Amino acid sequence: MGFVVFISIVIYIVIGGIIGWIAGAIMKSQGNTLFNVIVGIVGSILGSIVFSLVGLGNLPGWIQSITGACLLIFLARLIKRS
């Protein structure tokens, strides 16, 4: 059981990094690898919640994840400017 949990965490980190990198490229963000992983994981959760709330939870997960990560970068920029 411990090995499966470890592999799952590694997969979440790798996929989060890829999603964060794609969102960073779309939003022209200057984040590093750790930033990309965090944005990818948190953005995926955010995208899933937002799309479910507006009734579009049946869209493919990668679309929800990238959109959520882009939204997270956008919100971070708004907070940083104010």
C-alpha atoms as a PDB file:
ATOM      1  CA  MET A   1       0.000   0.000   0.000  1.00  0.00           C
ATOM      2  CA  GLY A   2       2.813   2.446   0.790  1.00  0.00           C
ATOM      3  CA  PHE A   3       4.374   2.056  -2.644  1.00  0.00           C
ATOM      4  CA  VAL A   4       1.078   2.840  -4.382  1.00  0.00           C
ATOM      5  CA  VAL A   5       0.673   5.999  -2.311  1.00  0.00           C
ATOM      6  CA  PHE A   6       4.234   7.054  -3.128  1.00  0.00           C
ATOM      7  CA  ILE A   7       3.718   6.502  -6.863  1.00  0.00           C
ATOM      8  CA  SER A   8       0.419   8.412  -6.715  1.00  0.00           C
ATOM      9  CA  ILE A   9       2.120  11.400  -5.088  1.00  0.00           C
ATOM     10  CA  VAL A  10       4.891  11.333  -7.691  1.00  0.00           C
ATOM     11  CA  ILE A  11       2.309  11.231 -10.487  1.00  0.00           C
ATOM     12  CA  TYR A  12       0.398  14.174  -8.965  1.00  0.00           C
ATOM     13  CA  ILE A  13       3.623  16.184  -8.799  1.00  0.00           C
ATOM     14  CA  VAL A  14       4.651  15.361 -12.374  1.00  0.00           C
ATOM     15  CA  ILE A  15       1.196  16.065 -13.839  1.00  0.00           C
ATOM     16  CA  GLY A  16       0.904  19.195 -11.691  1.00  0.00           C
ATOM     17  CA  GLY A  17       4.233  20.386 -13.064  1.00  0.00           C
ATOM     18  CA  ILE A  18       3.112  19.798 -16.642  1.00  0.00           C
ATOM     19  CA  ILE A  19      -0.233  21.550 -16.102  1.00  0.00           C
ATOM     20  CA  GLY A  20       1.518  24.453 -14.343  1.00  0.00           C
ATOM     21  CA  TRP A  21       4.078  24.719 -17.134  1.00  0.00           C
ATOM     22  CA  ILE A  22       1.355  24.825 -19.811  1.00  0.00           C
ATOM     23  CA  ALA A  23      -0.620  27.426 -17.856  1.00  0.00           C
ATOM     24  CA  GLY A  24       2.552  29.447 -17.294  1.00  0.00           C
ATOM     25  CA  ALA A  25       3.279  29.398 -21.026  1.00  0.00           C
ATOM     26  CA  ILE A  26      -0.275  30.494 -21.852  1.00  0.00           C
ATOM     27  CA  MET A  27      -0.225  33.279 -19.247  1.00  0.00           C
ATOM     28  CA  LYS A  28       3.448  34.172 -19.923  1.00  0.00           C
ATOM     29  CA  SER A  29       4.342  33.619 -16.274  1.00  0.00           C
ATOM     30  CA  GLN A  30       7.920  33.716 -14.966  1.00  0.00           C
ATOM     31  CA  GLY A  31       7.493  30.907 -12.405  1.00  0.00           C
ATOM     32  CA  ASN A  32      10.079  28.262 -11.550  1.00  0.00           C
ATOM     33  CA  THR A  33       9.501  24.503 -11.333  1.00  0.00           C
ATOM     34  CA  LEU A  34       8.140  24.546  -7.773  1.00  0.00           C
ATOM     35  CA  PHE A  35       5.759  27.369  -8.735  1.00  0.00           C
ATOM     36  CA  ASN A  36       4.571  25.337 -11.748  1.00  0.00           C
ATOM     37  CA  VAL A  37       3.893  22.252  -9.625  1.00  0.00           C
ATOM     38  CA  ILE A  38       1.952  24.209  -7.017  1.00  0.00           C
ATOM     39  CA  VAL A  39      -0.015  26.169  -9.622  1.00  0.00           C
ATOM     40  CA  GLY A  40      -0.750  22.955 -11.517  1.00  0.00           C
ATOM     41  CA  ILE A  41      -2.053  21.032  -8.513  1.00  0.00           C
ATOM     42  CA  VAL A  42      -4.015  23.880  -6.918  1.00  0.00           C
ATOM     43  CA  GLY A  43      -5.242  25.086 -10.313  1.00  0.00           C
ATOM     44  CA  SER A  44      -6.519  21.612 -11.145  1.00  0.00           C
ATOM     45  CA  ILE A  45      -8.576  21.570  -7.969  1.00  0.00           C
ATOM     46  CA  LEU A  46      -9.808  25.117  -8.599  1.00  0.00           C
ATOM     47  CA  GLY A  47     -10.754  24.315 -12.193  1.00  0.00           C
ATOM     48  CA  SER A  48     -12.672  21.223 -11.151  1.00  0.00           C
ATOM     49  CA  ILE A  49     -14.643  23.183  -8.557  1.00  0.00           C
ATOM     50  CA  VAL A  50     -15.405  26.120 -10.871  1.00  0.00           C
ATOM     51  CA  PHE A  51     -16.475  23.967 -13.809  1.00  0.00           C
ATOM     52  CA  SER A  52     -18.676  21.834 -11.540  1.00  0.00           C
ATOM     53  CA  LEU A  53     -20.347  24.942 -10.103  1.00  0.00           C
ATOM     54  CA  VAL A  54     -21.231  26.304 -13.539  1.00  0.00           C
ATOM     55  CA  GLY A  55     -22.493  22.923 -14.751  1.00  0.00           C
ATOM     56  CA  LEU A  56     -19.565  22.066 -17.017  1.00  0.00           C
ATOM     57  CA  GLY A  57     -18.041  19.338 -14.856  1.00  0.00           C
ATOM     58  CA  ASN A  58     -18.250  16.893 -17.753  1.00  0.00           C
ATOM     59  CA  LEU A  59     -15.464  18.628 -19.722  1.00  0.00           C
ATOM     60  CA  PRO A  60     -12.179  16.710 -19.989  1.00  0.00           C
ATOM     61  CA  GLY A  61     -10.024  16.991 -16.884  1.00  0.00           C
ATOM     62  CA  TRP A  62      -7.035  18.463 -18.690  1.00  0.00           C
ATOM     63  CA  ILE A  63      -9.154  21.389 -19.919  1.00  0.00           C
ATOM     64  CA  GLN A  64     -10.447  22.008 -16.407  1.00  0.00           C
ATOM     65  CA  SER A  65      -6.939  21.752 -14.972  1.00  0.00           C
ATOM     66  CA  ILE A  66      -5.260  24.122 -17.417  1.00  0.00           C
ATOM     67  CA  THR A  67      -8.103  26.636 -17.191  1.00  0.00           C
ATOM     68  CA  GLY A  68      -8.030  26.480 -13.390  1.00  0.00           C
ATOM     69  CA  ALA A  69      -4.265  26.989 -13.331  1.00  0.00           C
ATOM     70  CA  CYS A  70      -4.571  29.983 -15.694  1.00  0.00           C
ATOM     71  CA  LEU A  71      -7.304  31.394 -13.445  1.00  0.00           C
ATOM     72  CA  LEU A  72      -5.045  30.937 -10.421  1.00  0.00           C
ATOM     73  CA  ILE A  73      -2.183  32.807 -12.128  1.00  0.00           C
ATOM     74  CA  PHE A  74      -4.607  35.584 -13.108  1.00  0.00           C
ATOM     75  CA  LEU A  75      -5.899  35.889  -9.531  1.00  0.00           C
ATOM     76  CA  ALA A  76      -2.342  35.901  -8.150  1.00  0.00           C
ATOM     77  CA  ARG A  77      -1.466  38.758 -10.502  1.00  0.00           C
ATOM     78  CA  LEU A  78      -4.510  40.731  -9.351  1.00  0.00           C
ATOM     79  CA  ILE A  79      -3.559  40.274  -5.705  1.00  0.00           C
ATOM     80  CA  LYS A  80       0.087  41.133  -6.362  1.00  0.00           C
ATOM     81  CA  ARG A  81      -0.799  44.398  -8.138  1.00  0.00           C
ATOM     82  CA  SER A  82      -3.052  45.687  -5.381  1.00  0.00           C
END
